[in-house]
Amino acid sequence: LAGLRAATPGEFARRAFANGRIDL
């Protein structure tokens, strides 16, 4: 599908951090 790609290690958690859902 256009615009989709496989995630890299830790990418879901890093997006959660970038979006303020979790801190370090």
PDBML (XML) file of the C-alpha atoms, coordinates in Angstrom:
<?xml version="1.0" encoding="UTF-8" ?>
<PDBx:datablock datablockName="MODEL"
   xmlns:PDBx="http://pdbml.pdb.org/schema/pdbx-v50.xsd"
   xmlns:xsi="http://www.w3.org/2001/XMLSchema-instance"
   xsi:schemaLocation="http://pdbml.pdb.org/schema/pdbx-v50.xsd pdbx-v50.xsd">
   <PDBx:atom_siteCategory>
      <PDBx:atom_site id="1">
         <PDBx:B_iso_or_equiv>0.00</PDBx:B_iso_or_equiv>
         <PDBx:Cartn_x>0.000</PDBx:Cartn_x>
         <PDBx:Cartn_y>0.000</PDBx:Cartn_y>
         <PDBx:Cartn_z>0.000</PDBx:Cartn_z>
         <PDBx:auth_asym_id>A</PDBx:auth_asym_id>
         <PDBx:auth_atom_id>CA</PDBx:auth_atom_id>
         <PDBx:auth_comp_id>LEU</PDBx:auth_comp_id>
         <PDBx:auth_seq_id>1</PDBx:auth_seq_id>
         <PDBx:group_PDB>ATOM</PDBx:group_PDB>
         <PDBx:label_alt_id xsi:nil="true" />
         <PDBx:label_asym_id>A</PDBx:label_asym_id>
         <PDBx:label_atom_id>CA</PDBx:label_atom_id>
         <PDBx:label_comp_id>LEU</PDBx:label_comp_id>
         <PDBx:label_entity_id>1</PDBx:label_entity_id>
         <PDBx:label_seq_id>1</PDBx:label_seq_id>
         <PDBx:occupancy>1.00</PDBx:occupancy>
         <PDBx:pdbx_PDB_model_num>1</PDBx:pdbx_PDB_model_num>
         <PDBx:type_symbol>C</PDBx:type_symbol>
      </PDBx:atom_site>
      <PDBx:atom_site id="2">
         <PDBx:B_iso_or_equiv>0.00</PDBx:B_iso_or_equiv>
         <PDBx:Cartn_x>1.169</PDBx:Cartn_x>
         <PDBx:Cartn_y>3.540</PDBx:Cartn_y>
         <PDBx:Cartn_z>-0.752</PDBx:Cartn_z>
         <PDBx:auth_asym_id>A</PDBx:auth_asym_id>
         <PDBx:auth_atom_id>CA</PDBx:auth_atom_id>
         <PDBx:auth_comp_id>ALA</PDBx:auth_comp_id>
         <PDBx:auth_seq_id>2</PDBx:auth_seq_id>
         <PDBx:group_PDB>ATOM</PDBx:group_PDB>
         <PDBx:label_alt_id xsi:nil="true" />
         <PDBx:label_asym_id>A</PDBx:label_asym_id>
         <PDBx:label_atom_id>CA</PDBx:label_atom_id>
         <PDBx:label_comp_id>ALA</PDBx:label_comp_id>
         <PDBx:label_entity_id>1</PDBx:label_entity_id>
         <PDBx:label_seq_id>2</PDBx:label_seq_id>
         <PDBx:occupancy>1.00</PDBx:occupancy>
         <PDBx:pdbx_PDB_model_num>1</PDBx:pdbx_PDB_model_num>
         <PDBx:type_symbol>C</PDBx:type_symbol>
      </PDBx:atom_site>
      <PDBx:atom_site id="3">
         <PDBx:B_iso_or_equiv>0.00</PDBx:B_iso_or_equiv>
         <PDBx:Cartn_x>2.562</PDBx:Cartn_x>
         <PDBx:Cartn_y>5.375</PDBx:Cartn_y>
         <PDBx:Cartn_z>2.265</PDBx:Cartn_z>
         <PDBx:auth_asym_id>A</PDBx:auth_asym_id>
         <PDBx:auth_atom_id>CA</PDBx:auth_atom_id>
         <PDBx:auth_comp_id>GLY</PDBx:auth_comp_id>
         <PDBx:auth_seq_id>3</PDBx:auth_seq_id>
         <PDBx:group_PDB>ATOM</PDBx:group_PDB>
         <PDBx:label_alt_id xsi:nil="true" />
         <PDBx:label_asym_id>A</PDBx:label_asym_id>
         <PDBx:label_atom_id>CA</PDBx:label_atom_id>
         <PDBx:label_comp_id>GLY</PDBx:label_comp_id>
         <PDBx:label_entity_id>1</PDBx:label_entity_id>
         <PDBx:label_seq_id>3</PDBx:label_seq_id>
         <PDBx:occupancy>1.00</PDBx:occupancy>
         <PDBx:pdbx_PDB_model_num>1</PDBx:pdbx_PDB_model_num>
         <PDBx:type_symbol>C</PDBx:type_symbol>
      </PDBx:atom_site>
      <PDBx:atom_site id="4">
         <PDBx:B_iso_or_equiv>0.00</PDBx:B_iso_or_equiv>
         <PDBx:Cartn_x>3.072</PDBx:Cartn_x>
         <PDBx:Cartn_y>2.273</PDBx:Cartn_y>
         <PDBx:Cartn_z>4.411</PDBx:Cartn_z>
         <PDBx:auth_asym_id>A</PDBx:auth_asym_id>
         <PDBx:auth_atom_id>CA</PDBx:auth_atom_id>
         <PDBx:auth_comp_id>LEU</PDBx:auth_comp_id>
         <PDBx:auth_seq_id>4</PDBx:auth_seq_id>
         <PDBx:group_PDB>ATOM</PDBx:group_PDB>
         <PDBx:label_alt_id xsi:nil="true" />
         <PDBx:label_asym_id>A</PDBx:label_asym_id>
         <PDBx:label_atom_id>CA</PDBx:label_atom_id>
         <PDBx:label_comp_id>LEU</PDBx:label_comp_id>
         <PDBx:label_entity_id>1</PDBx:label_entity_id>
         <PDBx:label_seq_id>4</PDBx:label_seq_id>
         <PDBx:occupancy>1.00</PDBx:occupancy>
         <PDBx:pdbx_PDB_model_num>1</PDBx:pdbx_PDB_model_num>
         <PDBx:type_symbol>C</PDBx:type_symbol>
      </PDBx:atom_site>
      <PDBx:atom_site id="5">
         <PDBx:B_iso_or_equiv>0.00</PDBx:B_iso_or_equiv>
         <PDBx:Cartn_x>6.358</PDBx:Cartn_x>
         <PDBx:Cartn_y>0.691</PDBx:Cartn_y>
         <PDBx:Cartn_z>5.405</PDBx:Cartn_z>
         <PDBx:auth_asym_id>A</PDBx:auth_asym_id>
         <PDBx:auth_atom_id>CA</PDBx:auth_atom_id>
         <PDBx:auth_comp_id>ARG</PDBx:auth_comp_id>
         <PDBx:auth_seq_id>5</PDBx:auth_seq_id>
         <PDBx:group_PDB>ATOM</PDBx:group_PDB>
         <PDBx:label_alt_id xsi:nil="true" />
         <PDBx:label_asym_id>A</PDBx:label_asym_id>
         <PDBx:label_atom_id>CA</PDBx:label_atom_id>
         <PDBx:label_comp_id>ARG</PDBx:label_comp_id>
         <PDBx:label_entity_id>1</PDBx:label_entity_id>
         <PDBx:label_seq_id>5</PDBx:label_seq_id>
         <PDBx:occupancy>1.00</PDBx:occupancy>
         <PDBx:pdbx_PDB_model_num>1</PDBx:pdbx_PDB_model_num>
         <PDBx:type_symbol>C</PDBx:type_symbol>
      </PDBx:atom_site>
      <PDBx:atom_site id="6">
         <PDBx:B_iso_or_equiv>0.00</PDBx:B_iso_or_equiv>
         <PDBx:Cartn_x>7.679</PDBx:Cartn_x>
         <PDBx:Cartn_y>-1.786</PDBx:Cartn_y>
         <PDBx:Cartn_z>7.978</PDBx:Cartn_z>
         <PDBx:auth_asym_id>A</PDBx:auth_asym_id>
         <PDBx:auth_atom_id>CA</PDBx:auth_atom_id>
         <PDBx:auth_comp_id>ALA</PDBx:auth_comp_id>
         <PDBx:auth_seq_id>6</PDBx:auth_seq_id>
         <PDBx:group_PDB>ATOM</PDBx:group_PDB>
         <PDBx:label_alt_id xsi:nil="true" />
         <PDBx:label_asym_id>A</PDBx:label_asym_id>
         <PDBx:label_atom_id>CA</PDBx:label_atom_id>
         <PDBx:label_comp_id>ALA</PDBx:label_comp_id>
         <PDBx:label_entity_id>1</PDBx:label_entity_id>
         <PDBx:label_seq_id>6</PDBx:label_seq_id>
         <PDBx:occupancy>1.00</PDBx:occupancy>
         <PDBx:pdbx_PDB_model_num>1</PDBx:pdbx_PDB_model_num>
         <PDBx:type_symbol>C</PDBx:type_symbol>
      </PDBx:atom_site>
      <PDBx:atom_site id="7">
         <PDBx:B_iso_or_equiv>0.00</PDBx:B_iso_or_equiv>
         <PDBx:Cartn_x>8.542</PDBx:Cartn_x>
         <PDBx:Cartn_y>-0.239</PDBx:Cartn_y>
         <PDBx:Cartn_z>11.342</PDBx:Cartn_z>
         <PDBx:auth_asym_id>A</PDBx:auth_asym_id>
         <PDBx:auth_atom_id>CA</PDBx:auth_atom_id>
         <PDBx:auth_comp_id>ALA</PDBx:auth_comp_id>
         <PDBx:auth_seq_id>7</PDBx:auth_seq_id>
         <PDBx:group_PDB>ATOM</PDBx:group_PDB>
         <PDBx:label_alt_id xsi:nil="true" />
         <PDBx:label_asym_id>A</PDBx:label_asym_id>
         <PDBx:label_atom_id>CA</PDBx:label_atom_id>
         <PDBx:label_comp_id>ALA</PDBx:label_comp_id>
         <PDBx:label_entity_id>1</PDBx:label_entity_id>
         <PDBx:label_seq_id>7</PDBx:label_seq_id>
         <PDBx:occupancy>1.00</PDBx:occupancy>
         <PDBx:pdbx_PDB_model_num>1</PDBx:pdbx_PDB_model_num>
         <PDBx:type_symbol>C</PDBx:type_symbol>
      </PDBx:atom_site>
      <PDBx:atom_site id="8">
         <PDBx:B_iso_or_equiv>0.00</PDBx:B_iso_or_equiv>
         <PDBx:Cartn_x>12.077</PDBx:Cartn_x>
         <PDBx:Cartn_y>-0.076</PDBx:Cartn_y>
         <PDBx:Cartn_z>12.677</PDBx:Cartn_z>
         <PDBx:auth_asym_id>A</PDBx:auth_asym_id>
         <PDBx:auth_atom_id>CA</PDBx:auth_atom_id>
         <PDBx:auth_comp_id>THR</PDBx:auth_comp_id>
         <PDBx:auth_seq_id>8</PDBx:auth_seq_id>
         <PDBx:group_PDB>ATOM</PDBx:group_PDB>
         <PDBx:label_alt_id xsi:nil="true" />
         <PDBx:label_asym_id>A</PDBx:label_asym_id>
         <PDBx:label_atom_id>CA</PDBx:label_atom_id>
         <PDBx:label_comp_id>THR</PDBx:label_comp_id>
         <PDBx:label_entity_id>1</PDBx:label_entity_id>
         <PDBx:label_seq_id>8</PDBx:label_seq_id>
         <PDBx:occupancy>1.00</PDBx:occupancy>
         <PDBx:pdbx_PDB_model_num>1</PDBx:pdbx_PDB_model_num>
         <PDBx:type_symbol>C</PDBx:type_symbol>
      </PDBx:atom_site>
      <PDBx:atom_site id="9">
         <PDBx:B_iso_or_equiv>0.00</PDBx:B_iso_or_equiv>
         <PDBx:Cartn_x>12.913</PDBx:Cartn_x>
         <PDBx:Cartn_y>-1.335</PDBx:Cartn_y>
         <PDBx:Cartn_z>16.215</PDBx:Cartn_z>
         <PDBx:auth_asym_id>A</PDBx:auth_asym_id>
         <PDBx:auth_atom_id>CA</PDBx:auth_atom_id>
         <PDBx:auth_comp_id>PRO</PDBx:auth_comp_id>
         <PDBx:auth_seq_id>9</PDBx:auth_seq_id>
         <PDBx:group_PDB>ATOM</PDBx:group_PDB>
         <PDBx:label_alt_id xsi:nil="true" />
         <PDBx:label_asym_id>A</PDBx:label_asym_id>
         <PDBx:label_atom_id>CA</PDBx:label_atom_id>
         <PDBx:label_comp_id>PRO</PDBx:label_comp_id>
         <PDBx:label_entity_id>1</PDBx:label_entity_id>
         <PDBx:label_seq_id>9</PDBx:label_seq_id>
         <PDBx:occupancy>1.00</PDBx:occupancy>
         <PDBx:pdbx_PDB_model_num>1</PDBx:pdbx_PDB_model_num>
         <PDBx:type_symbol>C</PDBx:type_symbol>
      </PDBx:atom_site>
      <PDBx:atom_site id="10">
         <PDBx:B_iso_or_equiv>0.00</PDBx:B_iso_or_equiv>
         <PDBx:Cartn_x>11.319</PDBx:Cartn_x>
         <PDBx:Cartn_y>0.890</PDBx:Cartn_y>
         <PDBx:Cartn_z>18.850</PDBx:Cartn_z>
         <PDBx:auth_asym_id>A</PDBx:auth_asym_id>
         <PDBx:auth_atom_id>CA</PDBx:auth_atom_id>
         <PDBx:auth_comp_id>GLY</PDBx:auth_comp_id>
         <PDBx:auth_seq_id>10</PDBx:auth_seq_id>
         <PDBx:group_PDB>ATOM</PDBx:group_PDB>
         <PDBx:label_alt_id xsi:nil="true" />
         <PDBx:label_asym_id>A</PDBx:label_asym_id>
         <PDBx:label_atom_id>CA</PDBx:label_atom_id>
         <PDBx:label_comp_id>GLY</PDBx:label_comp_id>
         <PDBx:label_entity_id>1</PDBx:label_entity_id>
         <PDBx:label_seq_id>10</PDBx:label_seq_id>
         <PDBx:occupancy>1.00</PDBx:occupancy>
         <PDBx:pdbx_PDB_model_num>1</PDBx:pdbx_PDB_model_num>
         <PDBx:type_symbol>C</PDBx:type_symbol>
      </PDBx:atom_site>
      <PDBx:atom_site id="11">
         <PDBx:B_iso_or_equiv>0.00</PDBx:B_iso_or_equiv>
         <PDBx:Cartn_x>9.535</PDBx:Cartn_x>
         <PDBx:Cartn_y>3.115</PDBx:Cartn_y>
         <PDBx:Cartn_z>16.311</PDBx:Cartn_z>
         <PDBx:auth_asym_id>A</PDBx:auth_asym_id>
         <PDBx:auth_atom_id>CA</PDBx:auth_atom_id>
         <PDBx:auth_comp_id>GLU</PDBx:auth_comp_id>
         <PDBx:auth_seq_id>11</PDBx:auth_seq_id>
         <PDBx:group_PDB>ATOM</PDBx:group_PDB>
         <PDBx:label_alt_id xsi:nil="true" />
         <PDBx:label_asym_id>A</PDBx:label_asym_id>
         <PDBx:label_atom_id>CA</PDBx:label_atom_id>
         <PDBx:label_comp_id>GLU</PDBx:label_comp_id>
         <PDBx:label_entity_id>1</PDBx:label_entity_id>
         <PDBx:label_seq_id>11</PDBx:label_seq_id>
         <PDBx:occupancy>1.00</PDBx:occupancy>
         <PDBx:pdbx_PDB_model_num>1</PDBx:pdbx_PDB_model_num>
         <PDBx:type_symbol>C</PDBx:type_symbol>
      </PDBx:atom_site>
      <PDBx:atom_site id="12">
         <PDBx:B_iso_or_equiv>0.00</PDBx:B_iso_or_equiv>
         <PDBx:Cartn_x>6.095</PDBx:Cartn_x>
         <PDBx:Cartn_y>2.753</PDBx:Cartn_y>
         <PDBx:Cartn_z>17.901</PDBx:Cartn_z>
         <PDBx:auth_asym_id>A</PDBx:auth_asym_id>
         <PDBx:auth_atom_id>CA</PDBx:auth_atom_id>
         <PDBx:auth_comp_id>PHE</PDBx:auth_comp_id>
         <PDBx:auth_seq_id>12</PDBx:auth_seq_id>
         <PDBx:group_PDB>ATOM</PDBx:group_PDB>
         <PDBx:label_alt_id xsi:nil="true" />
         <PDBx:label_asym_id>A</PDBx:label_asym_id>
         <PDBx:label_atom_id>CA</PDBx:label_atom_id>
         <PDBx:label_comp_id>PHE</PDBx:label_comp_id>
         <PDBx:label_entity_id>1</PDBx:label_entity_id>
         <PDBx:label_seq_id>12</PDBx:label_seq_id>
         <PDBx:occupancy>1.00</PDBx:occupancy>
         <PDBx:pdbx_PDB_model_num>1</PDBx:pdbx_PDB_model_num>
         <PDBx:type_symbol>C</PDBx:type_symbol>
      </PDBx:atom_site>
      <PDBx:atom_site id="13">
         <PDBx:B_iso_or_equiv>0.00</PDBx:B_iso_or_equiv>
         <PDBx:Cartn_x>7.439</PDBx:Cartn_x>
         <PDBx:Cartn_y>3.749</PDBx:Cartn_y>
         <PDBx:Cartn_z>21.315</PDBx:Cartn_z>
         <PDBx:auth_asym_id>A</PDBx:auth_asym_id>
         <PDBx:auth_atom_id>CA</PDBx:auth_atom_id>
         <PDBx:auth_comp_id>ALA</PDBx:auth_comp_id>
         <PDBx:auth_seq_id>13</PDBx:auth_seq_id>
         <PDBx:group_PDB>ATOM</PDBx:group_PDB>
         <PDBx:label_alt_id xsi:nil="true" />
         <PDBx:label_asym_id>A</PDBx:label_asym_id>
         <PDBx:label_atom_id>CA</PDBx:label_atom_id>
         <PDBx:label_comp_id>ALA</PDBx:label_comp_id>
         <PDBx:label_entity_id>1</PDBx:label_entity_id>
         <PDBx:label_seq_id>13</PDBx:label_seq_id>
         <PDBx:occupancy>1.00</PDBx:occupancy>
         <PDBx:pdbx_PDB_model_num>1</PDBx:pdbx_PDB_model_num>
         <PDBx:type_symbol>C</PDBx:type_symbol>
      </PDBx:atom_site>
      <PDBx:atom_site id="14">
         <PDBx:B_iso_or_equiv>0.00</PDBx:B_iso_or_equiv>
         <PDBx:Cartn_x>9.467</PDBx:Cartn_x>
         <PDBx:Cartn_y>6.578</PDBx:Cartn_y>
         <PDBx:Cartn_z>19.813</PDBx:Cartn_z>
         <PDBx:auth_asym_id>A</PDBx:auth_asym_id>
         <PDBx:auth_atom_id>CA</PDBx:auth_atom_id>
         <PDBx:auth_comp_id>ARG</PDBx:auth_comp_id>
         <PDBx:auth_seq_id>14</PDBx:auth_seq_id>
         <PDBx:group_PDB>ATOM</PDBx:group_PDB>
         <PDBx:label_alt_id xsi:nil="true" />
         <PDBx:label_asym_id>A</PDBx:label_asym_id>
         <PDBx:label_atom_id>CA</PDBx:label_atom_id>
         <PDBx:label_comp_id>ARG</PDBx:label_comp_id>
         <PDBx:label_entity_id>1</PDBx:label_entity_id>
         <PDBx:label_seq_id>14</PDBx:label_seq_id>
         <PDBx:occupancy>1.00</PDBx:occupancy>
         <PDBx:pdbx_PDB_model_num>1</PDBx:pdbx_PDB_model_num>
         <PDBx:type_symbol>C</PDBx:type_symbol>
      </PDBx:atom_site>
      <PDBx:atom_site id="15">
         <PDBx:B_iso_or_equiv>0.00</PDBx:B_iso_or_equiv>
         <PDBx:Cartn_x>6.355</PDBx:Cartn_x>
         <PDBx:Cartn_y>7.986</PDBx:Cartn_y>
         <PDBx:Cartn_z>18.150</PDBx:Cartn_z>
         <PDBx:auth_asym_id>A</PDBx:auth_asym_id>
         <PDBx:auth_atom_id>CA</PDBx:auth_atom_id>
         <PDBx:auth_comp_id>ARG</PDBx:auth_comp_id>
         <PDBx:auth_seq_id>15</PDBx:auth_seq_id>
         <PDBx:group_PDB>ATOM</PDBx:group_PDB>
         <PDBx:label_alt_id xsi:nil="true" />
         <PDBx:label_asym_id>A</PDBx:label_asym_id>
         <PDBx:label_atom_id>CA</PDBx:label_atom_id>
         <PDBx:label_comp_id>ARG</PDBx:label_comp_id>
         <PDBx:label_entity_id>1</PDBx:label_entity_id>
         <PDBx:label_seq_id>15</PDBx:label_seq_id>
         <PDBx:occupancy>1.00</PDBx:occupancy>
         <PDBx:pdbx_PDB_model_num>1</PDBx:pdbx_PDB_model_num>
         <PDBx:type_symbol>C</PDBx:type_symbol>
      </PDBx:atom_site>
      <PDBx:atom_site id="16">
         <PDBx:B_iso_or_equiv>0.00</PDBx:B_iso_or_equiv>
         <PDBx:Cartn_x>4.546</PDBx:Cartn_x>
         <PDBx:Cartn_y>7.733</PDBx:Cartn_y>
         <PDBx:Cartn_z>21.478</PDBx:Cartn_z>
         <PDBx:auth_asym_id>A</PDBx:auth_asym_id>
         <PDBx:auth_atom_id>CA</PDBx:auth_atom_id>
         <PDBx:auth_comp_id>ALA</PDBx:auth_comp_id>
         <PDBx:auth_seq_id>16</PDBx:auth_seq_id>
         <PDBx:group_PDB>ATOM</PDBx:group_PDB>
         <PDBx:label_alt_id xsi:nil="true" />
         <PDBx:label_asym_id>A</PDBx:label_asym_id>
         <PDBx:label_atom_id>CA</PDBx:label_atom_id>
         <PDBx:label_comp_id>ALA</PDBx:label_comp_id>
         <PDBx:label_entity_id>1</PDBx:label_entity_id>
         <PDBx:label_seq_id>16</PDBx:label_seq_id>
         <PDBx:occupancy>1.00</PDBx:occupancy>
         <PDBx:pdbx_PDB_model_num>1</PDBx:pdbx_PDB_model_num>
         <PDBx:type_symbol>C</PDBx:type_symbol>
      </PDBx:atom_site>
      <PDBx:atom_site id="17">
         <PDBx:B_iso_or_equiv>0.00</PDBx:B_iso_or_equiv>
         <PDBx:Cartn_x>7.364</PDBx:Cartn_x>
         <PDBx:Cartn_y>9.766</PDBx:Cartn_y>
         <PDBx:Cartn_z>23.035</PDBx:Cartn_z>
         <PDBx:auth_asym_id>A</PDBx:auth_asym_id>
         <PDBx:auth_atom_id>CA</PDBx:auth_atom_id>
         <PDBx:auth_comp_id>PHE</PDBx:auth_comp_id>
         <PDBx:auth_seq_id>17</PDBx:auth_seq_id>
         <PDBx:group_PDB>ATOM</PDBx:group_PDB>
         <PDBx:label_alt_id xsi:nil="true" />
         <PDBx:label_asym_id>A</PDBx:label_asym_id>
         <PDBx:label_atom_id>CA</PDBx:label_atom_id>
         <PDBx:label_comp_id>PHE</PDBx:label_comp_id>
         <PDBx:label_entity_id>1</PDBx:label_entity_id>
         <PDBx:label_seq_id>17</PDBx:label_seq_id>
         <PDBx:occupancy>1.00</PDBx:occupancy>
         <PDBx:pdbx_PDB_model_num>1</PDBx:pdbx_PDB_model_num>
         <PDBx:type_symbol>C</PDBx:type_symbol>
      </PDBx:atom_site>
      <PDBx:atom_site id="18">
         <PDBx:B_iso_or_equiv>0.00</PDBx:B_iso_or_equiv>
         <PDBx:Cartn_x>7.395</PDBx:Cartn_x>
         <PDBx:Cartn_y>12.331</PDBx:Cartn_y>
         <PDBx:Cartn_z>20.197</PDBx:Cartn_z>
         <PDBx:auth_asym_id>A</PDBx:auth_asym_id>
         <PDBx:auth_atom_id>CA</PDBx:auth_atom_id>
         <PDBx:auth_comp_id>ALA</PDBx:auth_comp_id>
         <PDBx:auth_seq_id>18</PDBx:auth_seq_id>
         <PDBx:group_PDB>ATOM</PDBx:group_PDB>
         <PDBx:label_alt_id xsi:nil="true" />
         <PDBx:label_asym_id>A</PDBx:label_asym_id>
         <PDBx:label_atom_id>CA</PDBx:label_atom_id>
         <PDBx:label_comp_id>ALA</PDBx:label_comp_id>
         <PDBx:label_entity_id>1</PDBx:label_entity_id>
         <PDBx:label_seq_id>18</PDBx:label_seq_id>
         <PDBx:occupancy>1.00</PDBx:occupancy>
         <PDBx:pdbx_PDB_model_num>1</PDBx:pdbx_PDB_model_num>
         <PDBx:type_symbol>C</PDBx:type_symbol>
      </PDBx:atom_site>
      <PDBx:atom_site id="19">
         <PDBx:B_iso_or_equiv>0.00</PDBx:B_iso_or_equiv>
         <PDBx:Cartn_x>3.635</PDBx:Cartn_x>
         <PDBx:Cartn_y>12.794</PDBx:Cartn_y>
         <PDBx:Cartn_z>20.541</PDBx:Cartn_z>
         <PDBx:auth_asym_id>A</PDBx:auth_asym_id>
         <PDBx:auth_atom_id>CA</PDBx:auth_atom_id>
         <PDBx:auth_comp_id>ASN</PDBx:auth_comp_id>
         <PDBx:auth_seq_id>19</PDBx:auth_seq_id>
         <PDBx:group_PDB>ATOM</PDBx:group_PDB>
         <PDBx:label_alt_id xsi:nil="true" />
         <PDBx:label_asym_id>A</PDBx:label_asym_id>
         <PDBx:label_atom_id>CA</PDBx:label_atom_id>
         <PDBx:label_comp_id>ASN</PDBx:label_comp_id>
         <PDBx:label_entity_id>1</PDBx:label_entity_id>
         <PDBx:label_seq_id>19</PDBx:label_seq_id>
         <PDBx:occupancy>1.00</PDBx:occupancy>
         <PDBx:pdbx_PDB_model_num>1</PDBx:pdbx_PDB_model_num>
         <PDBx:type_symbol>C</PDBx:type_symbol>
      </PDBx:atom_site>
      <PDBx:atom_site id="20">
         <PDBx:B_iso_or_equiv>0.00</PDBx:B_iso_or_equiv>
         <PDBx:Cartn_x>3.768</PDBx:Cartn_x>
         <PDBx:Cartn_y>13.256</PDBx:Cartn_y>
         <PDBx:Cartn_z>24.294</PDBx:Cartn_z>
         <PDBx:auth_asym_id>A</PDBx:auth_asym_id>
         <PDBx:auth_atom_id>CA</PDBx:auth_atom_id>
         <PDBx:auth_comp_id>GLY</PDBx:auth_comp_id>
         <PDBx:auth_seq_id>20</PDBx:auth_seq_id>
         <PDBx:group_PDB>ATOM</PDBx:group_PDB>
         <PDBx:label_alt_id xsi:nil="true" />
         <PDBx:label_asym_id>A</PDBx:label_asym_id>
         <PDBx:label_atom_id>CA</PDBx:label_atom_id>
         <PDBx:label_comp_id>GLY</PDBx:label_comp_id>
         <PDBx:label_entity_id>1</PDBx:label_entity_id>
         <PDBx:label_seq_id>20</PDBx:label_seq_id>
         <PDBx:occupancy>1.00</PDBx:occupancy>
         <PDBx:pdbx_PDB_model_num>1</PDBx:pdbx_PDB_model_num>
         <PDBx:type_symbol>C</PDBx:type_symbol>
      </PDBx:atom_site>
      <PDBx:atom_site id="21">
         <PDBx:B_iso_or_equiv>0.00</PDBx:B_iso_or_equiv>
         <PDBx:Cartn_x>2.106</PDBx:Cartn_x>
         <PDBx:Cartn_y>9.962</PDBx:Cartn_y>
         <PDBx:Cartn_z>25.213</PDBx:Cartn_z>
         <PDBx:auth_asym_id>A</PDBx:auth_asym_id>
         <PDBx:auth_atom_id>CA</PDBx:auth_atom_id>
         <PDBx:auth_comp_id>ARG</PDBx:auth_comp_id>
         <PDBx:auth_seq_id>21</PDBx:auth_seq_id>
         <PDBx:group_PDB>ATOM</PDBx:group_PDB>
         <PDBx:label_alt_id xsi:nil="true" />
         <PDBx:label_asym_id>A</PDBx:label_asym_id>
         <PDBx:label_atom_id>CA</PDBx:label_atom_id>
         <PDBx:label_comp_id>ARG</PDBx:label_comp_id>
         <PDBx:label_entity_id>1</PDBx:label_entity_id>
         <PDBx:label_seq_id>21</PDBx:label_seq_id>
         <PDBx:occupancy>1.00</PDBx:occupancy>
         <PDBx:pdbx_PDB_model_num>1</PDBx:pdbx_PDB_model_num>
         <PDBx:type_symbol>C</PDBx:type_symbol>
      </PDBx:atom_site>
      <PDBx:atom_site id="22">
         <PDBx:B_iso_or_equiv>0.00</PDBx:B_iso_or_equiv>
         <PDBx:Cartn_x>5.087</PDBx:Cartn_x>
         <PDBx:Cartn_y>8.817</PDBx:Cartn_y>
         <PDBx:Cartn_z>27.287</PDBx:Cartn_z>
         <PDBx:auth_asym_id>A</PDBx:auth_asym_id>
         <PDBx:auth_atom_id>CA</PDBx:auth_atom_id>
         <PDBx:auth_comp_id>ILE</PDBx:auth_comp_id>
         <PDBx:auth_seq_id>22</PDBx:auth_seq_id>
         <PDBx:group_PDB>ATOM</PDBx:group_PDB>
         <PDBx:label_alt_id xsi:nil="true" />
         <PDBx:label_asym_id>A</PDBx:label_asym_id>
         <PDBx:label_atom_id>CA</PDBx:label_atom_id>
         <PDBx:label_comp_id>ILE</PDBx:label_comp_id>
         <PDBx:label_entity_id>1</PDBx:label_entity_id>
         <PDBx:label_seq_id>22</PDBx:label_seq_id>
         <PDBx:occupancy>1.00</PDBx:occupancy>
         <PDBx:pdbx_PDB_model_num>1</PDBx:pdbx_PDB_model_num>
         <PDBx:type_symbol>C</PDBx:type_symbol>
      </PDBx:atom_site>
      <PDBx:atom_site id="23">
         <PDBx:B_iso_or_equiv>0.00</PDBx:B_iso_or_equiv>
         <PDBx:Cartn_x>8.284</PDBx:Cartn_x>
         <PDBx:Cartn_y>10.403</PDBx:Cartn_y>
         <PDBx:Cartn_z>28.605</PDBx:Cartn_z>
         <PDBx:auth_asym_id>A</PDBx:auth_asym_id>
         <PDBx:auth_atom_id>CA</PDBx:auth_atom_id>
         <PDBx:auth_comp_id>ASP</PDBx:auth_comp_id>
         <PDBx:auth_seq_id>23</PDBx:auth_seq_id>
         <PDBx:group_PDB>ATOM</PDBx:group_PDB>
         <PDBx:label_alt_id xsi:nil="true" />
         <PDBx:label_asym_id>A</PDBx:label_asym_id>
         <PDBx:label_atom_id>CA</PDBx:label_atom_id>
         <PDBx:label_comp_id>ASP</PDBx:label_comp_id>
         <PDBx:label_entity_id>1</PDBx:label_entity_id>
         <PDBx:label_seq_id>23</PDBx:label_seq_id>
         <PDBx:occupancy>1.00</PDBx:occupancy>
         <PDBx:pdbx_PDB_model_num>1</PDBx:pdbx_PDB_model_num>
         <PDBx:type_symbol>C</PDBx:type_symbol>
      </PDBx:atom_site>
      <PDBx:atom_site id="24">
         <PDBx:B_iso_or_equiv>0.00</PDBx:B_iso_or_equiv>
         <PDBx:Cartn_x>11.786</PDBx:Cartn_x>
         <PDBx:Cartn_y>8.946</PDBx:Cartn_y>
         <PDBx:Cartn_z>28.759</PDBx:Cartn_z>
         <PDBx:auth_asym_id>A</PDBx:auth_asym_id>
         <PDBx:auth_atom_id>CA</PDBx:auth_atom_id>
         <PDBx:auth_comp_id>LEU</PDBx:auth_comp_id>
         <PDBx:auth_seq_id>24</PDBx:auth_seq_id>
         <PDBx:group_PDB>ATOM</PDBx:group_PDB>
         <PDBx:label_alt_id xsi:nil="true" />
         <PDBx:label_asym_id>A</PDBx:label_asym_id>
         <PDBx:label_atom_id>CA</PDBx:label_atom_id>
         <PDBx:label_comp_id>LEU</PDBx:label_comp_id>
         <PDBx:label_entity_id>1</PDBx:label_entity_id>
         <PDBx:label_seq_id>24</PDBx:label_seq_id>
         <PDBx:occupancy>1.00</PDBx:occupancy>
         <PDBx:pdbx_PDB_model_num>1</PDBx:pdbx_PDB_model_num>
         <PDBx:type_symbol>C</PDBx:type_symbol>
      </PDBx:atom_site>
   </PDBx:atom_siteCategory>
</PDBx:datablock>
